[in-house]
Amino acid sequence: MNGICGSTPPTVISVTKADDVDAPRCERFSTTLHLRIVRANRGAVNAPNPIPAAPPVRRRRISRGWWLKQLHTWHWISAAVSLIGMLLFAATGITLNHAGSIPAHPQVEQKAGMLLPSVRRLLQATPAAADAPMPGAVAAAVRDQTGLNPAGRPAEWSDGEVYVALPRPGGDAWVSIERKTGEIHAEITRQGWISLLNDLHKGRNTGLGWRLFIDAFAAACILFTGSGLLLLQFHARHRKLTWPLVGLGLAVPVVVAILFIH
């Protein structure tokens, strides 16, 4: 120790015992200090590294721009889906409003046929239900000879004939069969394209498929107008006439209904 009481580097371990009575006091103190430093260094080396704390989770705030993007997306999608339908329904709204002033030129086509005796016998027995449909073989024979399909349609059974009404969009049709002779009489009436579009507008005699289409089309229109209303809400701050025009669109039909509908 060169006669100087001081500390040594932490990596040096003194072999002098701390309890040696013959060792000078300075050396005993140095040895004890060295051992403590070495033990501390060993503990620091063997200690596990501390796990860094996870950063605080920040909740993502949905911005105004995100809502505008979503509304614009749904607005143009619903507009594209319902565009052609809205044009047709708007046009047929005008034709329906002026149906009395639009001339119609109906075309009537009559057809006839005859059932085979083996098929005619199926009409001899009167069914229990007054609106029971024609037997399948009879309906197939009518379809082959007239082009009209009465299968599954309610029929009117009387003593002399079986009658089936076949209404259709833009026209009408019916089939009558003489139960004794098997004679088939059919008539098809076509009212024209305007009448067809008007009936499609009303869903008249169109069947389940067209009614489901109208429901889907109405849902697309509701999405289109609803997203448009929300877009008006977002842009109304910079367009002062937004809500006055919306109010005018509500007030005009209400006033017209109050004053002119009796």
C-alpha atoms as a PDB file:
ATOM      1  CA  MET A   1       0.000   0.000   0.000  1.00  0.00           C
ATOM      2  CA  ASN A   2       3.158   2.183  -0.111  1.00  0.00           C
ATOM      3  CA  GLY A   3       2.285   3.430   3.385  1.00  0.00           C
ATOM      4  CA  ILE A   4      -0.726   5.429   2.164  1.00  0.00           C
ATOM      5  CA  CYS A   5      -4.234   4.652   3.417  1.00  0.00           C
ATOM      6  CA  GLY A   6      -6.424   4.692   0.362  1.00  0.00           C
ATOM      7  CA  SER A   7      -8.808   2.645  -1.707  1.00  0.00           C
ATOM      8  CA  THR A   8      -7.922   0.232  -4.491  1.00  0.00           C
ATOM      9  CA  PRO A   9      -9.783  -0.470  -7.758  1.00  0.00           C
ATOM     10  CA  PRO A  10     -12.943  -2.547  -7.333  1.00  0.00           C
ATOM     11  CA  THR A  11     -11.549  -5.448  -9.357  1.00  0.00           C
ATOM     12  CA  VAL A  12      -8.635  -6.074  -6.960  1.00  0.00           C
ATOM     13  CA  ILE A  13      -9.396  -8.456  -4.138  1.00  0.00           C
ATOM     14  CA  SER A  14      -7.086  -8.266  -1.150  1.00  0.00           C
ATOM     15  CA  VAL A  15      -6.070 -11.567   0.447  1.00  0.00           C
ATOM     16  CA  THR A  16      -5.338  -9.947   3.784  1.00  0.00           C
ATOM     17  CA  LYS A  17      -7.794 -11.043   6.424  1.00  0.00           C
ATOM     18  CA  ALA A  18      -9.770  -8.322   8.108  1.00  0.00           C
ATOM     19  CA  ASP A  19      -9.430  -9.906  11.555  1.00  0.00           C
ATOM     20  CA  ASP A  20      -5.572 -10.218  11.465  1.00  0.00           C
ATOM     21  CA  VAL A  21      -4.441  -8.542  14.644  1.00  0.00           C
ATOM     22  CA  ASP A  22      -0.935  -7.964  13.225  1.00  0.00           C
ATOM     23  CA  ALA A  23      -2.169  -6.059  10.123  1.00  0.00           C
ATOM     24  CA  PRO A  24      -2.115  -2.346  10.383  1.00  0.00           C
ATOM     25  CA  ARG A  25      -5.448  -0.609  10.892  1.00  0.00           C
ATOM     26  CA  CYS A  26      -5.292   1.032   7.450  1.00  0.00           C
ATOM     27  CA  GLU A  27      -4.820  -2.326   5.703  1.00  0.00           C
ATOM     28  CA  ARG A  28      -7.699  -3.924   7.601  1.00  0.00           C
ATOM     29  CA  PHE A  29      -9.941  -1.026   6.628  1.00  0.00           C
ATOM     30  CA  SER A  30      -8.811  -1.253   2.999  1.00  0.00           C
ATOM     31  CA  THR A  31      -9.436  -4.997   2.862  1.00  0.00           C
ATOM     32  CA  THR A  32     -12.934  -4.653   4.268  1.00  0.00           C
ATOM     33  CA  LEU A  33     -13.733  -1.856   1.883  1.00  0.00           C
ATOM     34  CA  HIS A  34     -12.442  -3.875  -1.094  1.00  0.00           C
ATOM     35  CA  LEU A  35     -14.586  -6.857  -0.201  1.00  0.00           C
ATOM     36  CA  ARG A  36     -17.682  -4.699   0.108  1.00  0.00           C
ATOM     37  CA  ILE A  37     -17.039  -3.021  -3.248  1.00  0.00           C
ATOM     38  CA  VAL A  38     -16.431  -6.365  -4.993  1.00  0.00           C
ATOM     39  CA  ARG A  39     -19.617  -7.840  -3.510  1.00  0.00           C
ATOM     40  CA  ALA A  40     -21.560  -4.779  -4.606  1.00  0.00           C
ATOM     41  CA  ASN A  41     -20.130  -5.030  -8.117  1.00  0.00           C
ATOM     42  CA  ARG A  42     -20.966  -8.729  -8.321  1.00  0.00           C
ATOM     43  CA  GLY A  43     -24.519  -8.037  -7.189  1.00  0.00           C
ATOM     44  CA  ALA A  44     -24.864  -5.305  -9.783  1.00  0.00           C
ATOM     45  CA  VAL A  45     -23.606  -7.619 -12.548  1.00  0.00           C
ATOM     46  CA  ASN A  46     -25.882 -10.503 -11.566  1.00  0.00           C
ATOM     47  CA  ALA A  47     -28.958  -8.303 -11.028  1.00  0.00           C
ATOM     48  CA  PRO A  48     -31.585  -8.634 -13.787  1.00  0.00           C
ATOM     49  CA  ASN A  49     -32.123  -5.715 -16.089  1.00  0.00           C
ATOM     50  CA  PRO A  50     -35.200  -3.707 -15.157  1.00  0.00           C
ATOM     51  CA  ILE A  51     -38.158  -4.050 -17.552  1.00  0.00           C
ATOM     52  CA  PRO A  52     -38.969  -0.689 -19.080  1.00  0.00           C
ATOM     53  CA  ALA A  53     -42.451   0.554 -18.284  1.00  0.00           C
ATOM     54  CA  ALA A  54     -44.955   0.348 -21.117  1.00  0.00           C
ATOM     55  CA  PRO A  55     -45.920   3.700 -22.559  1.00  0.00           C
ATOM     56  CA  PRO A  56     -49.412   4.856 -21.595  1.00  0.00           C
ATOM     57  CA  VAL A  57     -52.140   3.811 -24.004  1.00  0.00           C
ATOM     58  CA  ARG A  58     -53.580   6.799 -25.804  1.00  0.00           C
ATOM     59  CA  ARG A  59     -57.165   6.500 -26.938  1.00  0.00           C
ATOM     60  CA  ARG A  60     -57.578   7.261 -30.590  1.00  0.00           C
ATOM     61  CA  ARG A  61     -59.989  10.091 -31.124  1.00  0.00           C
ATOM     62  CA  ILE A  62     -62.150   9.900 -34.212  1.00  0.00           C
ATOM     63  CA  SER A  63     -61.709  13.155 -36.042  1.00  0.00           C
ATOM     64  CA  ARG A  64     -64.171  15.200 -38.038  1.00  0.00           C
ATOM     65  CA  GLY A  65     -62.307  14.301 -41.220  1.00  0.00           C
ATOM     66  CA  TRP A  66     -62.847  10.583 -40.599  1.00  0.00           C
ATOM     67  CA  TRP A  67     -66.612  11.077 -40.287  1.00  0.00           C
ATOM     68  CA  LEU A  68     -66.685  13.191 -43.439  1.00  0.00           C
ATOM     69  CA  LYS A  69     -64.823  10.499 -45.360  1.00  0.00           C
ATOM     70  CA  GLN A  70     -67.224   7.787 -44.211  1.00  0.00           C
ATOM     71  CA  LEU A  71     -70.307   9.872 -45.008  1.00  0.00           C
ATOM     72  CA  HIS A  72     -69.010  10.765 -48.466  1.00  0.00           C
ATOM     73  CA  THR A  73     -68.264   7.090 -49.162  1.00  0.00           C
ATOM     74  CA  TRP A  74     -71.715   5.837 -48.160  1.00  0.00           C
ATOM     75  CA  HIS A  75     -73.370   8.787 -49.865  1.00  0.00           C
ATOM     76  CA  TRP A  76     -71.892   8.108 -53.292  1.00  0.00           C
ATOM     77  CA  ILE A  77     -72.291   4.327 -52.989  1.00  0.00           C
ATOM     78  CA  SER A  78     -75.993   4.584 -52.150  1.00  0.00           C
ATOM     79  CA  ALA A  79     -76.411   7.199 -54.899  1.00  0.00           C
ATOM     80  CA  ALA A  80     -74.799   4.926 -57.484  1.00  0.00           C
ATOM     81  CA  VAL A  81     -76.943   1.952 -56.436  1.00  0.00           C
ATOM     82  CA  SER A  82     -80.251   3.843 -56.448  1.00  0.00           C
ATOM     83  CA  LEU A  83     -79.615   6.309 -59.319  1.00  0.00           C
ATOM     84  CA  ILE A  84     -81.450   4.482 -62.115  1.00  0.00           C
ATOM     85  CA  GLY A  85     -84.269   3.465 -59.795  1.00  0.00           C
ATOM     86  CA  MET A  86     -84.782   7.041 -58.597  1.00  0.00           C
ATOM     87  CA  LEU A  87     -84.925   8.296 -62.191  1.00  0.00           C
ATOM     88  CA  LEU A  88     -87.537   5.686 -63.120  1.00  0.00           C
ATOM     89  CA  PHE A  89     -89.621   6.262 -60.003  1.00  0.00           C
ATOM     90  CA  ALA A  90     -89.493  10.035 -60.505  1.00  0.00           C
ATOM     91  CA  ALA A  91     -90.559   9.706 -64.152  1.00  0.00           C
ATOM     92  CA  THR A  92     -93.383   7.287 -63.374  1.00  0.00           C
ATOM     93  CA  GLY A  93     -94.492   9.596 -60.564  1.00  0.00           C
ATOM     94  CA  ILE A  94     -95.229  12.191 -63.243  1.00  0.00           C
ATOM     95  CA  THR A  95     -97.028   9.696 -65.474  1.00  0.00           C
ATOM     96  CA  LEU A  96     -99.107   8.432 -62.563  1.00  0.00           C
ATOM     97  CA  ASN A  97    -100.006  11.984 -61.606  1.00  0.00           C
ATOM     98  CA  HIS A  98    -101.275  12.595 -65.153  1.00  0.00           C
ATOM     99  CA  ALA A  99    -102.542   9.105 -65.966  1.00  0.00           C
ATOM    100  CA  GLY A 100    -105.959  10.445 -67.041  1.00  0.00           C
ATOM    101  CA  SER A 101    -104.451  12.686 -69.706  1.00  0.00           C
ATOM    102  CA  ILE A 102    -102.154  10.047 -71.231  1.00  0.00           C
ATOM    103  CA  PRO A 103    -103.979   8.053 -73.939  1.00  0.00           C
ATOM    104  CA  ALA A 104    -103.799   4.273 -73.754  1.00  0.00           C
ATOM    105  CA  HIS A 105    -103.999   1.877 -76.696  1.00  0.00           C
ATOM    106  CA  PRO A 106    -104.643  -1.592 -75.301  1.00  0.00           C
ATOM    107  CA  GLN A 107    -103.906  -4.631 -77.413  1.00  0.00           C
ATOM    108  CA  VAL A 108    -106.108  -7.674 -76.886  1.00  0.00           C
ATOM    109  CA  GLU A 109    -105.054 -11.146 -77.949  1.00  0.00           C
ATOM    110  CA  GLN A 110    -107.381 -14.140 -77.713  1.00  0.00           C
ATOM    111  CA  LYS A 111    -106.333 -17.773 -77.755  1.00  0.00           C
ATOM    112  CA  ALA A 112    -108.168 -21.089 -77.739  1.00  0.00           C
ATOM    113  CA  GLY A 113    -107.427 -24.754 -77.311  1.00  0.00           C
ATOM    114  CA  MET A 114    -108.857 -28.154 -76.386  1.00  0.00           C
ATOM    115  CA  LEU A 115    -108.075 -30.565 -73.580  1.00  0.00           C
ATOM    116  CA  LEU A 116    -107.538 -34.235 -74.283  1.00  0.00           C
ATOM    117  CA  PRO A 117    -110.285 -36.506 -72.926  1.00  0.00           C
ATOM    118  CA  SER A 118    -107.911 -38.044 -70.388  1.00  0.00           C
ATOM    119  CA  VAL A 119    -107.066 -34.577 -69.057  1.00  0.00           C
ATOM    120  CA  ARG A 120    -110.638 -33.300 -69.243  1.00  0.00           C
ATOM    121  CA  ARG A 121    -111.786 -36.009 -66.854  1.00  0.00           C
ATOM    122  CA  LEU A 122    -109.705 -34.338 -64.117  1.00  0.00           C
ATOM    123  CA  LEU A 123    -112.214 -31.464 -64.137  1.00  0.00           C
ATOM    124  CA  GLN A 124    -115.293 -33.594 -63.560  1.00  0.00           C
ATOM    125  CA  ALA A 125    -114.950 -33.722 -59.780  1.00  0.00           C
ATOM    126  CA  THR A 126    -115.519 -30.431 -57.962  1.00  0.00           C
ATOM    127  CA  PRO A 127    -112.823 -29.796 -55.321  1.00  0.00           C
ATOM    128  CA  ALA A 128    -113.773 -29.124 -51.726  1.00  0.00           C
ATOM    129  CA  ALA A 129    -112.213 -25.649 -51.717  1.00  0.00           C
ATOM    130  CA  ALA A 130    -113.971 -23.060 -53.857  1.00  0.00           C
ATOM    131  CA  ASP A 131    -110.663 -21.472 -54.911  1.00  0.00           C
ATOM    132  CA  ALA A 132    -108.649 -24.655 -55.423  1.00  0.00           C
ATOM    133  CA  PRO A 133    -106.117 -24.406 -58.283  1.00  0.00           C
ATOM    134  CA  MET A 134    -106.391 -26.442 -61.467  1.00  0.00           C
ATOM    135  CA  PRO A 135    -104.895 -29.932 -61.464  1.00  0.00           C
ATOM    136  CA  GLY A 136    -101.266 -29.968 -62.577  1.00  0.00           C
ATOM    137  CA  ALA A 137    -101.924 -31.825 -65.839  1.00  0.00           C
ATOM    138  CA  VAL A 138    -104.668 -29.352 -66.794  1.00  0.00           C
ATOM    139  CA  ALA A 139    -102.451 -26.351 -66.036  1.00  0.00           C
ATOM    140  CA  ALA A 140     -99.630 -27.852 -68.113  1.00  0.00           C
ATOM    141  CA  ALA A 141    -101.983 -28.369 -71.080  1.00  0.00           C
ATOM    142  CA  VAL A 142    -103.169 -24.739 -70.816  1.00  0.00           C
ATOM    143  CA  ARG A 143     -99.585 -23.500 -70.720  1.00  0.00           C
ATOM    144  CA  ASP A 144     -98.619 -25.490 -73.790  1.00  0.00           C
ATOM    145  CA  GLN A 145    -101.595 -24.257 -75.859  1.00  0.00           C
ATOM    146  CA  THR A 146    -101.933 -20.631 -74.754  1.00  0.00           C
ATOM    147  CA  GLY A 147     -98.600 -19.616 -73.238  1.00  0.00           C
ATOM    148  CA  LEU A 148    -100.312 -18.739 -69.937  1.00  0.00           C
ATOM    149  CA  ASN A 149     -99.433 -20.648 -66.792  1.00  0.00           C
ATOM    150  CA  PRO A 150    -102.307 -21.002 -64.294  1.00  0.00           C
ATOM    151  CA  ALA A 151    -100.458 -23.513 -62.096  1.00  0.00           C
ATOM    152  CA  GLY A 152    -100.901 -22.763 -58.420  1.00  0.00           C
ATOM    153  CA  ARG A 153    -103.239 -19.818 -59.032  1.00  0.00           C
ATOM    154  CA  PRO A 154    -106.618 -19.686 -57.260  1.00  0.00           C
ATOM    155  CA  ALA A 155    -109.431 -20.795 -59.591  1.00  0.00           C
ATOM    156  CA  GLU A 156    -113.157 -20.130 -59.592  1.00  0.00           C
ATOM    157  CA  TRP A 157    -115.105 -23.392 -59.957  1.00  0.00           C
ATOM    158  CA  SER A 158    -118.665 -23.318 -61.244  1.00  0.00           C
ATOM    159  CA  ASP A 159    -120.917 -25.990 -62.697  1.00  0.00           C
ATOM    160  CA  GLY A 160    -119.957 -25.161 -66.269  1.00  0.00           C
ATOM    161  CA  GLU A 161    -116.387 -23.838 -66.206  1.00  0.00           C
ATOM    162  CA  VAL A 162    -113.146 -23.239 -64.340  1.00  0.00           C
ATOM    163  CA  TYR A 163    -111.922 -19.654 -64.472  1.00  0.00           C
ATOM    164  CA  VAL A 164    -108.456 -18.359 -63.504  1.00  0.00           C
ATOM    165  CA  ALA A 165    -107.546 -14.659 -63.425  1.00  0.00           C
ATOM    166  CA  LEU A 166    -103.928 -13.872 -64.347  1.00  0.00           C
ATOM    167  CA  PRO A 167    -103.351 -10.151 -63.717  1.00  0.00           C
ATOM    168  CA  ARG A 168     -99.937  -8.798 -64.703  1.00  0.00           C
ATOM    169  CA  PRO A 169     -98.099  -5.449 -64.721  1.00  0.00           C
ATOM    170  CA  GLY A 170     -99.230  -3.306 -67.633  1.00  0.00           C
ATOM    171  CA  GLY A 171    -102.064  -5.588 -68.621  1.00  0.00           C
ATOM    172  CA  ASP A 172    -104.358  -8.448 -67.753  1.00  0.00           C
ATOM    173  CA  ALA A 173    -105.035 -12.062 -68.693  1.00  0.00           C
ATOM    174  CA  TRP A 174    -107.462 -14.835 -67.903  1.00  0.00           C
ATOM    175  CA  VAL A 175    -108.147 -18.496 -68.749  1.00  0.00           C
ATOM    176  CA  SER A 176    -111.495 -20.307 -68.855  1.00  0.00           C
ATOM    177  CA  ILE A 177    -112.069 -24.035 -69.439  1.00  0.00           C
ATOM    178  CA  GLU A 178    -115.418 -25.685 -70.178  1.00  0.00           C
ATOM    179  CA  ARG A 179    -115.682 -28.607 -67.797  1.00  0.00           C
ATOM    180  CA  LYS A 180    -117.879 -30.734 -70.102  1.00  0.00           C
ATOM    181  CA  THR A 181    -116.200 -30.175 -73.444  1.00  0.00           C
ATOM    182  CA  GLY A 182    -112.639 -29.263 -72.405  1.00  0.00           C
ATOM    183  CA  GLU A 183    -112.579 -26.109 -74.545  1.00  0.00           C
ATOM    184  CA  ILE A 184    -109.941 -23.563 -73.516  1.00  0.00           C
ATOM    185  CA  HIS A 185    -110.521 -19.818 -73.881  1.00  0.00           C
ATOM    186  CA  ALA A 186    -107.813 -17.318 -72.993  1.00  0.00           C
ATOM    187  CA  GLU A 187    -107.362 -13.587 -73.390  1.00  0.00           C
ATOM    188  CA  ILE A 188    -104.284 -11.380 -72.964  1.00  0.00           C
ATOM    189  CA  THR A 189    -104.524  -7.576 -72.720  1.00  0.00           C
ATOM    190  CA  ARG A 190    -101.492  -5.307 -72.995  1.00  0.00           C
ATOM    191  CA  GLN A 191    -101.844  -1.639 -72.027  1.00  0.00           C
ATOM    192  CA  GLY A 192     -98.425  -0.442 -73.220  1.00  0.00           C
ATOM    193  CA  TRP A 193     -95.090   0.595 -71.750  1.00  0.00           C
ATOM    194  CA  ILE A 194     -96.376   3.504 -69.700  1.00  0.00           C
ATOM    195  CA  SER A 195     -98.941   1.325 -67.996  1.00  0.00           C
ATOM    196  CA  LEU A 196     -96.241  -1.293 -67.360  1.00  0.00           C
ATOM    197  CA  LEU A 197     -93.912   1.250 -65.722  1.00  0.00           C
ATOM    198  CA  ASN A 198     -96.775   2.681 -63.662  1.00  0.00           C
ATOM    199  CA  ASP A 199     -97.636  -0.765 -62.322  1.00  0.00           C
ATOM    200  CA  LEU A 200     -93.976  -1.407 -61.516  1.00  0.00           C
ATOM    201  CA  HIS A 201     -93.936   1.878 -59.612  1.00  0.00           C
ATOM    202  CA  LYS A 202     -96.923   0.751 -57.535  1.00  0.00           C
ATOM    203  CA  GLY A 203     -95.765  -2.861 -57.238  1.00  0.00           C
ATOM    204  CA  ARG A 204     -99.084  -3.967 -58.703  1.00  0.00           C
ATOM    205  CA  ASN A 205     -99.288  -7.647 -59.683  1.00  0.00           C
ATOM    206  CA  THR A 206     -95.493  -7.908 -59.702  1.00  0.00           C
ATOM    207  CA  GLY A 207     -94.836 -10.836 -57.382  1.00  0.00           C
ATOM    208  CA  LEU A 208     -92.513 -11.363 -54.447  1.00  0.00           C
ATOM    209  CA  GLY A 209     -89.244 -10.724 -56.294  1.00  0.00           C
ATOM    210  CA  TRP A 210     -90.168  -7.195 -57.350  1.00  0.00           C
ATOM    211  CA  ARG A 211     -91.520  -6.342 -53.904  1.00  0.00           C
ATOM    212  CA  LEU A 212     -88.199  -7.366 -52.346  1.00  0.00           C
ATOM    213  CA  PHE A 213     -86.391  -5.204 -54.888  1.00  0.00           C
ATOM    214  CA  ILE A 214     -88.529  -2.205 -53.926  1.00  0.00           C
ATOM    215  CA  ASP A 215     -87.680  -2.775 -50.257  1.00  0.00           C
ATOM    216  CA  ALA A 216     -83.941  -2.887 -51.038  1.00  0.00           C
ATOM    217  CA  PHE A 217     -84.243   0.192 -53.248  1.00  0.00           C
ATOM    218  CA  ALA A 218     -86.071   2.072 -50.496  1.00  0.00           C
ATOM    219  CA  ALA A 219     -83.327   1.177 -48.010  1.00  0.00           C
ATOM    220  CA  ALA A 220     -80.688   2.547 -50.414  1.00  0.00           C
ATOM    221  CA  CYS A 221     -82.683   5.776 -50.781  1.00  0.00           C
ATOM    222  CA  ILE A 222     -82.936   6.138 -47.002  1.00  0.00           C
ATOM    223  CA  LEU A 223     -79.157   5.681 -46.714  1.00  0.00           C
ATOM    224  CA  PHE A 224     -78.610   8.216 -49.498  1.00  0.00           C
ATOM    225  CA  THR A 225     -80.834  10.889 -47.971  1.00  0.00           C
ATOM    226  CA  GLY A 226     -79.703  10.207 -44.409  1.00  0.00           C
ATOM    227  CA  SER A 227     -76.015  10.543 -45.275  1.00  0.00           C
ATOM    228  CA  GLY A 228     -76.858  13.680 -47.260  1.00  0.00           C
ATOM    229  CA  LEU A 229     -78.571  15.179 -44.234  1.00  0.00           C
ATOM    230  CA  LEU A 230     -75.524  14.502 -42.065  1.00  0.00           C
ATOM    231  CA  LEU A 231     -73.265  16.039 -44.713  1.00  0.00           C
ATOM    232  CA  LEU A 232     -75.455  19.137 -44.623  1.00  0.00           C
ATOM    233  CA  GLN A 233     -74.926  19.240 -40.873  1.00  0.00           C
ATOM    234  CA  PHE A 234     -71.146  19.208 -41.340  1.00  0.00           C
ATOM    235  CA  HIS A 235     -71.140  21.914 -44.037  1.00  0.00           C
ATOM    236  CA  ALA A 236     -73.923  24.126 -42.694  1.00  0.00           C
ATOM    237  CA  ARG A 237     -71.433  26.307 -40.814  1.00  0.00           C
ATOM    238  CA  HIS A 238     -70.024  27.643 -44.080  1.00  0.00           C
ATOM    239  CA  ARG A 239     -73.292  27.598 -46.042  1.00  0.00           C
ATOM    240  CA  LYS A 240     -75.810  29.850 -44.353  1.00  0.00           C
ATOM    241  CA  LEU A 241     -78.745  28.867 -46.582  1.00  0.00           C
ATOM    242  CA  THR A 242     -78.525  25.153 -45.725  1.00  0.00           C
ATOM    243  CA  TRP A 243     -81.167  24.934 -43.014  1.00  0.00           C
ATOM    244  CA  PRO A 244     -83.507  27.583 -44.486  1.00  0.00           C
ATOM    245  CA  LEU A 245     -83.644  25.524 -47.707  1.00  0.00           C
ATOM    246  CA  VAL A 246     -84.196  22.297 -45.759  1.00  0.00           C
ATOM    247  CA  GLY A 247     -87.005  23.969 -43.840  1.00  0.00           C
ATOM    248  CA  LEU A 248     -88.503  25.226 -47.097  1.00  0.00           C
ATOM    249  CA  GLY A 249     -88.497  21.689 -48.479  1.00  0.00           C
ATOM    250  CA  LEU A 250     -90.524  20.614 -45.440  1.00  0.00           C
ATOM    251  CA  ALA A 251     -92.842  23.599 -45.279  1.00  0.00           C
ATOM    252  CA  VAL A 252     -93.968  23.627 -48.928  1.00  0.00           C
ATOM    253  CA  PRO A 253     -95.609  20.141 -48.990  1.00  0.00           C
ATOM    254  CA  VAL A 254     -97.127  20.718 -45.555  1.00  0.00           C
ATOM    255  CA  VAL A 255     -98.712  24.018 -46.610  1.00  0.00           C
ATOM    256  CA  VAL A 256     -99.941  22.548 -49.912  1.00  0.00           C
ATOM    257  CA  ALA A 257    -101.492  19.596 -48.089  1.00  0.00           C
ATOM    258  CA  ILE A 258    -103.232  21.836 -45.577  1.00  0.00           C
ATOM    259  CA  LEU A 259    -104.596  24.277 -48.138  1.00  0.00           C
ATOM    260  CA  PHE A 260    -105.480  22.070 -51.114  1.00  0.00           C
ATOM    261  CA  ILE A 261    -106.207  18.539 -49.800  1.00  0.00           C
ATOM    262  CA  HIS A 262    -109.733  18.210 -48.458  1.00  0.00           C
END
